[in-house]
Amino acid sequence: MKILNFCFVTIFSVILFSCNNSMQEKQISQIDSLYKVVDSVSFKLNKINKDTIKNRFQLFKVMNDTVSKHFHEVRNDESWSYICNFQNVRKPFKTMVFNYDLYKSNIDSSKKQLIDLKHDVEKGLVKEKNVNSYLKIESQLINTVCIKVMKNIDQVNAQMKNFDTVQPYLFNLIKEHKAK
């Protein structure tokens, strides 16, 4: 009878441990997936050169002031589309310049949270229901940060090309106008 009880307790413990271990592996897998998302966004943000954007934003402001001063003299059907396209540069550049460090901080914070959560799950320091709650919160925060950062990165990349096309045209237009 004692052997039967011992076997029952042993089998029950193994089943319970394997279920718990399976849940733990699932949670770690979810944490790793979230980390990969954050790491991917971090990589894309790091590809953006903050100083280049800052310099281009400064060039934009100078050129915009110049265009504003000579707007009525240089405005024609052809230059109007360039002037309008040039105005599209301002917001994405400005947003990236002023939010780059915040984006980086939010991403680094999310990475640290996920690393700490993974450690706590692996060591069994957090209850299962709490882990699921933490995962849900982190997932929502990561989603919000990633959407903001990726949207701004996409806009900046598009406007870099726009800036490189439009700014030289406007510069030459103003230069020609001043030469007259």
N, C-alpha and C. Protein backbone atom coordinates (compact mmCIF):
# COMPACT_ATOMS: atom_id res chain seq x y z
N MET A 1 0.81 -1.18 0.00
CA MET A 1 0.00 0.00 0.00
C MET A 1 0.86 1.26 0.00
N LYS A 2 1.96 1.24 0.79
CA LYS A 2 2.85 2.39 0.83
C LYS A 2 3.52 2.59 -0.53
N ILE A 3 3.85 1.52 -1.19
CA ILE A 3 4.49 1.60 -2.51
C ILE A 3 3.50 2.18 -3.50
N LEU A 4 2.24 1.76 -3.43
CA LEU A 4 1.20 2.28 -4.32
C LEU A 4 1.01 3.78 -4.09
N ASN A 5 0.94 4.19 -2.83
CA ASN A 5 0.82 5.62 -2.51
C ASN A 5 2.04 6.40 -3.02
N PHE A 6 3.21 5.85 -2.81
CA PHE A 6 4.44 6.51 -3.27
C PHE A 6 4.43 6.66 -4.79
N CYS A 7 4.04 5.60 -5.51
CA CYS A 7 3.97 5.65 -6.98
C CYS A 7 2.94 6.69 -7.43
N PHE A 8 1.79 6.71 -6.74
CA PHE A 8 0.75 7.66 -7.09
C PHE A 8 1.25 9.10 -6.90
N VAL A 9 1.88 9.37 -5.77
CA VAL A 9 2.41 10.71 -5.49
C VAL A 9 3.50 11.05 -6.51
N THR A 10 4.35 10.11 -6.83
CA THR A 10 5.43 10.36 -7.80
C THR A 10 4.87 10.67 -9.18
N ILE A 11 3.90 9.84 -9.61
CA ILE A 11 3.30 10.05 -10.93
C ILE A 11 2.55 11.39 -10.96
N PHE A 12 1.82 11.67 -9.92
CA PHE A 12 1.08 12.93 -9.84
C PHE A 12 2.06 14.12 -9.88
N SER A 13 3.17 14.01 -9.17
CA SER A 13 4.17 15.08 -9.14
C SER A 13 4.78 15.28 -10.52
N VAL A 14 5.09 14.21 -11.21
CA VAL A 14 5.67 14.29 -12.56
C VAL A 14 4.68 14.95 -13.52
N ILE A 15 3.41 14.52 -13.43
CA ILE A 15 2.38 15.12 -14.30
C ILE A 15 2.23 16.60 -13.99
N LEU A 16 2.15 16.91 -12.72
CA LEU A 16 2.00 18.31 -12.32
C LEU A 16 3.22 19.13 -12.75
N PHE A 17 4.41 18.59 -12.55
CA PHE A 17 5.63 19.29 -12.92
C PHE A 17 5.72 19.47 -14.44
N SER A 18 5.35 18.44 -15.20
CA SER A 18 5.43 18.55 -16.66
C SER A 18 4.41 19.55 -17.20
N CYS A 19 3.22 19.61 -16.58
CA CYS A 19 2.24 20.62 -16.99
C CYS A 19 2.75 22.01 -16.68
N ASN A 20 3.30 22.15 -15.48
CA ASN A 20 3.83 23.44 -15.07
C ASN A 20 5.01 23.83 -15.97
N ASN A 21 5.87 22.86 -16.27
CA ASN A 21 7.03 23.09 -17.11
C ASN A 21 6.58 23.48 -18.52
N SER A 22 5.53 22.84 -19.01
CA SER A 22 4.99 23.15 -20.33
C SER A 22 4.47 24.58 -20.36
N MET A 23 3.77 24.99 -19.32
CA MET A 23 3.26 26.35 -19.24
C MET A 23 4.41 27.34 -19.16
N GLN A 24 5.42 26.98 -18.40
CA GLN A 24 6.59 27.85 -18.26
C GLN A 24 7.29 28.00 -19.62
N GLU A 25 7.43 26.93 -20.35
CA GLU A 25 8.05 26.99 -21.69
C GLU A 25 7.23 27.86 -22.63
N LYS A 26 5.91 27.77 -22.54
CA LYS A 26 5.03 28.59 -23.37
C LYS A 26 5.22 30.06 -23.03
N GLN A 27 5.26 30.36 -21.75
CA GLN A 27 5.44 31.75 -21.32
C GLN A 27 6.80 32.29 -21.75
N ILE A 28 7.83 31.48 -21.62
CA ILE A 28 9.17 31.91 -22.05
C ILE A 28 9.19 32.14 -23.56
N SER A 29 8.49 31.28 -24.28
CA SER A 29 8.39 31.44 -25.74
C SER A 29 7.69 32.76 -26.09
N GLN A 30 6.64 33.09 -25.36
CA GLN A 30 5.95 34.37 -25.59
C GLN A 30 6.85 35.55 -25.29
N ILE A 31 7.60 35.45 -24.22
CA ILE A 31 8.54 36.52 -23.85
C ILE A 31 9.60 36.67 -24.94
N ASP A 32 10.13 35.55 -25.41
CA ASP A 32 11.14 35.60 -26.48
C ASP A 32 10.57 36.21 -27.76
N SER A 33 9.33 35.90 -28.08
CA SER A 33 8.69 36.47 -29.26
C SER A 33 8.54 37.99 -29.13
N LEU A 34 8.10 38.43 -27.97
CA LEU A 34 7.99 39.87 -27.74
C LEU A 34 9.36 40.54 -27.81
N TYR A 35 10.36 39.88 -27.29
CA TYR A 35 11.71 40.44 -27.32
C TYR A 35 12.20 40.59 -28.76
N LYS A 36 11.90 39.61 -29.59
CA LYS A 36 12.31 39.69 -31.00
C LYS A 36 11.65 40.87 -31.70
N VAL A 37 10.41 41.13 -31.38
CA VAL A 37 9.70 42.27 -31.97
C VAL A 37 10.38 43.56 -31.55
N VAL A 38 10.63 43.70 -30.26
CA VAL A 38 11.26 44.91 -29.73
C VAL A 38 12.67 45.07 -30.31
N ASP A 39 13.39 43.98 -30.39
CA ASP A 39 14.75 44.02 -30.92
C ASP A 39 14.75 44.43 -32.40
N SER A 40 13.78 43.97 -33.13
CA SER A 40 13.67 44.34 -34.55
C SER A 40 13.42 45.84 -34.70
N VAL A 41 12.53 46.37 -33.90
CA VAL A 41 12.25 47.82 -33.95
C VAL A 41 13.48 48.60 -33.50
N SER A 42 14.17 48.10 -32.50
CA SER A 42 15.39 48.74 -32.03
C SER A 42 16.43 48.79 -33.14
N PHE A 43 16.58 47.72 -33.87
CA PHE A 43 17.52 47.66 -34.99
C PHE A 43 17.18 48.71 -36.04
N LYS A 44 15.89 48.82 -36.37
CA LYS A 44 15.46 49.79 -37.37
C LYS A 44 15.65 51.22 -36.88
N LEU A 45 15.40 51.45 -35.61
CA LEU A 45 15.61 52.79 -35.05
C LEU A 45 17.10 53.14 -35.07
N ASN A 46 17.94 52.18 -34.76
CA ASN A 46 19.39 52.42 -34.75
C ASN A 46 19.93 52.72 -36.15
N LYS A 47 19.23 52.25 -37.18
CA LYS A 47 19.64 52.55 -38.55
C LYS A 47 19.38 54.02 -38.91
N ILE A 48 18.47 54.65 -38.18
CA ILE A 48 18.20 56.07 -38.38
C ILE A 48 19.31 56.84 -37.68
N ASN A 49 20.00 57.67 -38.43
CA ASN A 49 21.05 58.47 -37.85
C ASN A 49 20.43 59.77 -37.33
N LYS A 50 20.37 59.88 -36.03
CA LYS A 50 19.73 61.03 -35.39
C LYS A 50 20.37 62.34 -35.83
N ASP A 51 21.68 62.36 -35.93
CA ASP A 51 22.38 63.59 -36.31
C ASP A 51 22.06 64.00 -37.75
N THR A 52 21.94 63.03 -38.62
CA THR A 52 21.58 63.32 -40.01
C THR A 52 20.20 63.93 -40.08
N ILE A 53 19.26 63.35 -39.35
CA ILE A 53 17.89 63.88 -39.33
C ILE A 53 17.89 65.29 -38.73
N LYS A 54 18.65 65.47 -37.68
CA LYS A 54 18.72 66.78 -37.03
C LYS A 54 19.29 67.83 -38.00
N ASN A 55 20.34 67.46 -38.72
CA ASN A 55 20.93 68.38 -39.70
C ASN A 55 19.96 68.69 -40.83
N ARG A 56 19.28 67.67 -41.30
CA ARG A 56 18.31 67.88 -42.37
C ARG A 56 17.15 68.75 -41.89
N PHE A 57 16.75 68.57 -40.65
CA PHE A 57 15.68 69.39 -40.10
C PHE A 57 16.12 70.85 -40.02
N GLN A 58 17.38 71.09 -39.62
CA GLN A 58 17.91 72.45 -39.59
C GLN A 58 17.95 73.04 -41.00
N LEU A 59 18.40 72.26 -41.98
CA LEU A 59 18.40 72.71 -43.38
C LEU A 59 16.98 73.02 -43.85
N PHE A 60 16.06 72.18 -43.45
CA PHE A 60 14.66 72.41 -43.81
C PHE A 60 14.20 73.77 -43.28
N LYS A 61 14.48 74.04 -42.00
CA LYS A 61 14.02 75.30 -41.40
C LYS A 61 14.62 76.51 -42.11
N VAL A 62 15.92 76.45 -42.44
CA VAL A 62 16.57 77.55 -43.14
C VAL A 62 15.96 77.73 -44.53
N MET A 63 15.81 76.62 -45.25
CA MET A 63 15.25 76.68 -46.60
C MET A 63 13.80 77.14 -46.55
N ASN A 64 13.07 76.68 -45.58
CA ASN A 64 11.67 77.07 -45.45
C ASN A 64 11.54 78.57 -45.21
N ASP A 65 12.41 79.12 -44.37
CA ASP A 65 12.41 80.57 -44.14
C ASP A 65 12.72 81.32 -45.43
N THR A 66 13.68 80.82 -46.18
CA THR A 66 14.05 81.46 -47.44
C THR A 66 12.91 81.39 -48.44
N VAL A 67 12.30 80.24 -48.55
CA VAL A 67 11.17 80.08 -49.47
C VAL A 67 10.02 81.00 -49.05
N SER A 68 9.79 81.10 -47.75
CA SER A 68 8.71 81.97 -47.26
C SER A 68 8.95 83.43 -47.64
N LYS A 69 10.20 83.87 -47.55
CA LYS A 69 10.53 85.26 -47.89
C LYS A 69 10.32 85.55 -49.37
N HIS A 70 10.59 84.55 -50.22
CA HIS A 70 10.54 84.75 -51.67
C HIS A 70 9.37 84.01 -52.32
N PHE A 71 8.43 83.62 -51.49
CA PHE A 71 7.33 82.79 -51.97
C PHE A 71 6.59 83.39 -53.16
N HIS A 72 6.20 84.63 -53.05
CA HIS A 72 5.39 85.25 -54.11
C HIS A 72 6.18 85.42 -55.41
N GLU A 73 7.47 85.62 -55.31
CA GLU A 73 8.27 85.80 -56.51
C GLU A 73 8.56 84.48 -57.23
N VAL A 74 8.73 83.41 -56.48
CA VAL A 74 9.13 82.13 -57.09
C VAL A 74 7.97 81.18 -57.33
N ARG A 75 6.80 81.53 -56.82
CA ARG A 75 5.67 80.62 -56.97
C ARG A 75 5.15 80.65 -58.40
N ASN A 76 5.11 79.44 -58.98
CA ASN A 76 4.47 79.22 -60.28
C ASN A 76 3.92 77.80 -60.25
N ASP A 77 3.32 77.37 -61.33
CA ASP A 77 2.70 76.04 -61.34
C ASP A 77 3.70 74.93 -61.06
N GLU A 78 4.88 75.04 -61.61
CA GLU A 78 5.89 74.00 -61.42
C GLU A 78 6.44 74.01 -59.98
N SER A 79 6.78 75.19 -59.47
CA SER A 79 7.39 75.27 -58.14
C SER A 79 6.39 74.98 -57.02
N TRP A 80 5.11 75.21 -57.30
CA TRP A 80 4.09 74.99 -56.27
C TRP A 80 4.10 73.55 -55.76
N SER A 81 4.18 72.57 -56.65
CA SER A 81 4.19 71.17 -56.20
C SER A 81 5.44 70.85 -55.39
N TYR A 82 6.56 71.46 -55.76
CA TYR A 82 7.79 71.25 -54.98
C TYR A 82 7.67 71.89 -53.59
N ILE A 83 7.10 73.06 -53.55
CA ILE A 83 6.93 73.74 -52.26
C ILE A 83 6.01 72.92 -51.35
N CYS A 84 4.94 72.42 -51.92
CA CYS A 84 4.00 71.59 -51.12
C CYS A 84 4.68 70.31 -50.64
N ASN A 85 5.43 69.66 -51.52
CA ASN A 85 6.14 68.43 -51.13
C ASN A 85 7.19 68.72 -50.06
N PHE A 86 7.80 69.87 -50.18
CA PHE A 86 8.82 70.24 -49.20
C PHE A 86 8.21 70.40 -47.81
N GLN A 87 6.99 70.87 -47.72
CA GLN A 87 6.33 71.06 -46.43
C GLN A 87 6.04 69.73 -45.73
N ASN A 88 5.95 68.66 -46.50
CA ASN A 88 5.71 67.33 -45.92
C ASN A 88 6.88 66.82 -45.10
N VAL A 89 8.03 67.41 -45.27
CA VAL A 89 9.25 66.99 -44.58
C VAL A 89 9.22 67.35 -43.09
N ARG A 90 8.65 68.50 -42.79
CA ARG A 90 8.74 69.07 -41.45
C ARG A 90 8.31 68.13 -40.33
N LYS A 91 7.10 67.65 -40.38
CA LYS A 91 6.56 66.90 -39.24
C LYS A 91 7.33 65.60 -38.93
N PRO A 92 7.59 64.74 -39.92
CA PRO A 92 8.34 63.51 -39.59
C PRO A 92 9.74 63.79 -39.05
N PHE A 93 10.44 64.78 -39.66
CA PHE A 93 11.79 65.10 -39.17
C PHE A 93 11.73 65.65 -37.75
N LYS A 94 10.82 66.58 -37.52
CA LYS A 94 10.70 67.19 -36.21
C LYS A 94 10.34 66.14 -35.15
N THR A 95 9.39 65.28 -35.48
CA THR A 95 8.98 64.23 -34.53
C THR A 95 10.14 63.32 -34.20
N MET A 96 10.91 62.92 -35.20
CA MET A 96 12.04 62.02 -34.95
C MET A 96 13.12 62.73 -34.14
N VAL A 97 13.42 63.97 -34.47
CA VAL A 97 14.45 64.71 -33.74
C VAL A 97 14.09 64.83 -32.27
N PHE A 98 12.85 65.18 -31.99
CA PHE A 98 12.46 65.42 -30.61
C PHE A 98 12.10 64.15 -29.84
N ASN A 99 11.79 63.06 -30.53
CA ASN A 99 11.36 61.84 -29.84
C ASN A 99 12.35 60.68 -29.92
N TYR A 100 13.44 60.85 -30.64
CA TYR A 100 14.39 59.75 -30.83
C TYR A 100 14.85 59.16 -29.49
N ASP A 101 15.29 60.01 -28.59
CA ASP A 101 15.78 59.53 -27.29
C ASP A 101 14.67 58.86 -26.48
N LEU A 102 13.46 59.40 -26.57
CA LEU A 102 12.32 58.79 -25.88
C LEU A 102 12.02 57.41 -26.48
N TYR A 103 12.03 57.32 -27.80
CA TYR A 103 11.82 56.03 -28.46
C TYR A 103 12.86 55.02 -27.98
N LYS A 104 14.10 55.43 -27.99
CA LYS A 104 15.20 54.55 -27.59
C LYS A 104 15.03 54.11 -26.14
N SER A 105 14.66 55.05 -25.28
CA SER A 105 14.46 54.75 -23.86
C SER A 105 13.31 53.77 -23.66
N ASN A 106 12.21 53.98 -24.36
CA ASN A 106 11.06 53.07 -24.25
C ASN A 106 11.41 51.66 -24.72
N ILE A 107 12.15 51.58 -25.80
CA ILE A 107 12.56 50.27 -26.32
C ILE A 107 13.50 49.58 -25.35
N ASP A 108 14.49 50.31 -24.85
CA ASP A 108 15.42 49.72 -23.88
C ASP A 108 14.71 49.28 -22.61
N SER A 109 13.75 50.07 -22.17
CA SER A 109 12.97 49.72 -20.99
C SER A 109 12.17 48.43 -21.22
N SER A 110 11.56 48.32 -22.40
CA SER A 110 10.80 47.10 -22.72
C SER A 110 11.71 45.88 -22.76
N LYS A 111 12.88 46.05 -23.34
CA LYS A 111 13.85 44.94 -23.39
C LYS A 111 14.21 44.49 -21.98
N LYS A 112 14.51 45.45 -21.12
CA LYS A 112 14.88 45.12 -19.74
C LYS A 112 13.73 44.42 -19.02
N GLN A 113 12.52 44.93 -19.18
CA GLN A 113 11.35 44.31 -18.56
C GLN A 113 11.21 42.86 -19.00
N LEU A 114 11.38 42.63 -20.29
CA LEU A 114 11.23 41.27 -20.81
C LEU A 114 12.35 40.35 -20.30
N ILE A 115 13.56 40.86 -20.25
CA ILE A 115 14.67 40.06 -19.73
C ILE A 115 14.42 39.71 -18.27
N ASP A 116 13.99 40.70 -17.50
CA ASP A 116 13.70 40.45 -16.07
C ASP A 116 12.54 39.47 -15.89
N LEU A 117 11.50 39.62 -16.69
CA LEU A 117 10.35 38.72 -16.61
C LEU A 117 10.77 37.29 -16.97
N LYS A 118 11.58 37.16 -18.01
CA LYS A 118 12.04 35.83 -18.42
C LYS A 118 12.84 35.19 -17.29
N HIS A 119 13.71 35.95 -16.67
CA HIS A 119 14.50 35.44 -15.55
C HIS A 119 13.59 34.96 -14.41
N ASP A 120 12.60 35.80 -14.08
CA ASP A 120 11.68 35.44 -12.99
C ASP A 120 10.85 34.21 -13.32
N VAL A 121 10.44 34.07 -14.58
CA VAL A 121 9.67 32.88 -14.98
C VAL A 121 10.55 31.64 -14.92
N GLU A 122 11.76 31.75 -15.43
CA GLU A 122 12.67 30.59 -15.41
C GLU A 122 12.99 30.13 -13.99
N LYS A 123 13.07 31.07 -13.07
CA LYS A 123 13.39 30.73 -11.67
C LYS A 123 12.14 30.43 -10.86
N GLY A 124 10.96 30.55 -11.47
CA GLY A 124 9.72 30.27 -10.76
C GLY A 124 9.39 31.30 -9.69
N LEU A 125 9.81 32.53 -9.90
CA LEU A 125 9.61 33.58 -8.89
C LEU A 125 8.26 34.30 -9.03
N VAL A 126 7.55 34.03 -10.12
CA VAL A 126 6.28 34.71 -10.38
C VAL A 126 5.20 33.66 -10.59
N LYS A 127 4.02 33.90 -10.02
CA LYS A 127 2.90 32.98 -10.21
C LYS A 127 2.44 33.03 -11.65
N GLU A 128 1.90 31.90 -12.11
CA GLU A 128 1.47 31.76 -13.50
C GLU A 128 0.48 32.83 -13.92
N LYS A 129 -0.52 33.10 -13.08
CA LYS A 129 -1.53 34.10 -13.45
C LYS A 129 -0.91 35.49 -13.54
N ASN A 130 0.08 35.77 -12.69
CA ASN A 130 0.76 37.06 -12.75
C ASN A 130 1.60 37.18 -14.02
N VAL A 131 2.23 36.09 -14.41
CA VAL A 131 3.04 36.10 -15.64
C VAL A 131 2.14 36.45 -16.83
N ASN A 132 0.98 35.82 -16.89
CA ASN A 132 0.07 36.09 -18.00
C ASN A 132 -0.39 37.55 -17.98
N SER A 133 -0.61 38.08 -16.81
CA SER A 133 -1.00 39.49 -16.68
C SER A 133 0.15 40.39 -17.12
N TYR A 134 1.36 40.09 -16.69
CA TYR A 134 2.52 40.87 -17.09
C TYR A 134 2.76 40.80 -18.59
N LEU A 135 2.57 39.62 -19.15
CA LEU A 135 2.74 39.45 -20.60
C LEU A 135 1.73 40.30 -21.37
N LYS A 136 0.52 40.34 -20.87
CA LYS A 136 -0.52 41.13 -21.54
C LYS A 136 -0.16 42.61 -21.48
N ILE A 137 0.26 43.08 -20.33
CA ILE A 137 0.64 44.49 -20.17
C ILE A 137 1.83 44.83 -21.07
N GLU A 138 2.86 44.00 -21.02
CA GLU A 138 4.05 44.24 -21.84
C GLU A 138 3.72 44.21 -23.32
N SER A 139 2.87 43.29 -23.70
CA SER A 139 2.47 43.18 -25.10
C SER A 139 1.78 44.46 -25.57
N GLN A 140 0.89 44.99 -24.75
CA GLN A 140 0.20 46.24 -25.10
C GLN A 140 1.16 47.41 -25.19
N LEU A 141 2.07 47.51 -24.23
CA LEU A 141 3.05 48.60 -24.24
C LEU A 141 3.97 48.50 -25.45
N ILE A 142 4.43 47.30 -25.71
CA ILE A 142 5.32 47.09 -26.85
C ILE A 142 4.60 47.41 -28.15
N ASN A 143 3.37 46.99 -28.26
CA ASN A 143 2.58 47.28 -29.46
C ASN A 143 2.47 48.78 -29.69
N THR A 144 2.15 49.52 -28.63
CA THR A 144 2.00 50.98 -28.74
C THR A 144 3.32 51.63 -29.15
N VAL A 145 4.41 51.26 -28.49
CA VAL A 145 5.71 51.84 -28.80
C VAL A 145 6.14 51.48 -30.22
N CYS A 146 5.98 50.23 -30.59
CA CYS A 146 6.41 49.79 -31.91
C CYS A 146 5.64 50.48 -33.03
N ILE A 147 4.36 50.66 -32.84
CA ILE A 147 3.55 51.33 -33.86
C ILE A 147 4.03 52.77 -34.04
N LYS A 148 4.23 53.48 -32.93
CA LYS A 148 4.69 54.87 -33.01
C LYS A 148 6.06 54.96 -33.68
N VAL A 149 6.98 54.14 -33.23
CA VAL A 149 8.35 54.20 -33.74
C VAL A 149 8.39 53.82 -35.21
N MET A 150 7.74 52.72 -35.57
CA MET A 150 7.79 52.27 -36.97
C MET A 150 7.10 53.27 -37.90
N LYS A 151 6.02 53.86 -37.45
CA LYS A 151 5.33 54.86 -38.27
C LYS A 151 6.26 56.04 -38.54
N ASN A 152 6.92 56.52 -37.50
CA ASN A 152 7.84 57.65 -37.66
C ASN A 152 9.05 57.27 -38.51
N ILE A 153 9.58 56.07 -38.32
CA ILE A 153 10.71 55.62 -39.14
C ILE A 153 10.32 55.57 -40.61
N ASP A 154 9.17 54.99 -40.91
CA ASP A 154 8.71 54.92 -42.30
C ASP A 154 8.52 56.31 -42.90
N GLN A 155 7.94 57.22 -42.12
CA GLN A 155 7.73 58.58 -42.61
C GLN A 155 9.07 59.29 -42.84
N VAL A 156 10.00 59.13 -41.93
CA VAL A 156 11.30 59.78 -42.07
C VAL A 156 12.03 59.24 -43.30
N ASN A 157 12.01 57.94 -43.47
CA ASN A 157 12.69 57.36 -44.64
C ASN A 157 12.08 57.87 -45.94
N ALA A 158 10.77 57.97 -46.00
CA ALA A 158 10.11 58.49 -47.20
C ALA A 158 10.45 59.96 -47.40
N GLN A 159 10.47 60.72 -46.33
CA GLN A 159 10.74 62.15 -46.45
C GLN A 159 12.22 62.47 -46.68
N MET A 160 13.10 61.56 -46.33
CA MET A 160 14.53 61.75 -46.66
C MET A 160 14.68 61.78 -48.18
N LYS A 161 14.02 60.87 -48.85
CA LYS A 161 14.06 60.84 -50.32
C LYS A 161 13.42 62.10 -50.89
N ASN A 162 12.29 62.49 -50.31
CA ASN A 162 11.60 63.69 -50.74
C ASN A 162 12.50 64.91 -50.55
N PHE A 163 13.13 65.02 -49.40
CA PHE A 163 14.01 66.14 -49.10
C PHE A 163 15.16 66.20 -50.10
N ASP A 164 15.77 65.05 -50.37
CA ASP A 164 16.91 65.01 -51.30
C ASP A 164 16.52 65.41 -52.72
N THR A 165 15.27 65.27 -53.06
CA THR A 165 14.79 65.65 -54.39
C THR A 165 14.36 67.12 -54.42
N VAL A 166 13.60 67.52 -53.44
CA VAL A 166 12.97 68.84 -53.46
C VAL A 166 13.90 69.96 -53.02
N GLN A 167 14.69 69.74 -52.00
CA GLN A 167 15.54 70.80 -51.47
C GLN A 167 16.50 71.37 -52.51
N PRO A 168 17.22 70.55 -53.29
CA PRO A 168 18.10 71.14 -54.31
C PRO A 168 17.34 71.96 -55.36
N TYR A 169 16.15 71.50 -55.73
CA TYR A 169 15.35 72.24 -56.70
C TYR A 169 14.99 73.62 -56.14
N LEU A 170 14.51 73.66 -54.90
CA LEU A 170 14.14 74.93 -54.29
C LEU A 170 15.36 75.83 -54.09
N PHE A 171 16.47 75.23 -53.72
CA PHE A 171 17.70 76.00 -53.55
C PHE A 171 18.09 76.68 -54.86
N ASN A 172 18.06 75.94 -55.96
CA ASN A 172 18.39 76.51 -57.27
C ASN A 172 17.36 77.56 -57.69
N LEU A 173 16.11 77.32 -57.40
CA LEU A 173 15.05 78.27 -57.74
C LEU A 173 15.28 79.61 -57.03
N ILE A 174 15.59 79.57 -55.76
CA ILE A 174 15.85 80.78 -54.99
C ILE A 174 17.13 81.45 -55.50
N LYS A 175 18.14 80.64 -55.77
CA LYS A 175 19.42 81.17 -56.27
C LYS A 175 19.20 81.89 -57.60
N GLU A 176 18.44 81.31 -58.50
CA GLU A 176 18.13 81.94 -59.78
C GLU A 176 17.35 83.23 -59.57
N HIS A 177 16.41 83.22 -58.67
CA HIS A 177 15.60 84.41 -58.40
C HIS A 177 16.46 85.56 -57.88
N LYS A 178 17.38 85.23 -56.98
CA LYS A 178 18.26 86.26 -56.40
C LYS A 178 19.21 86.82 -57.46
N ALA A 179 19.58 85.97 -58.43
CA ALA A 179 20.51 86.40 -59.49
C ALA A 179 19.85 87.39 -60.44
N LYS A 180 18.53 87.39 -60.54
CA LYS A 180 17.82 88.28 -61.47
C LYS A 180 17.85 89.70 -61.06
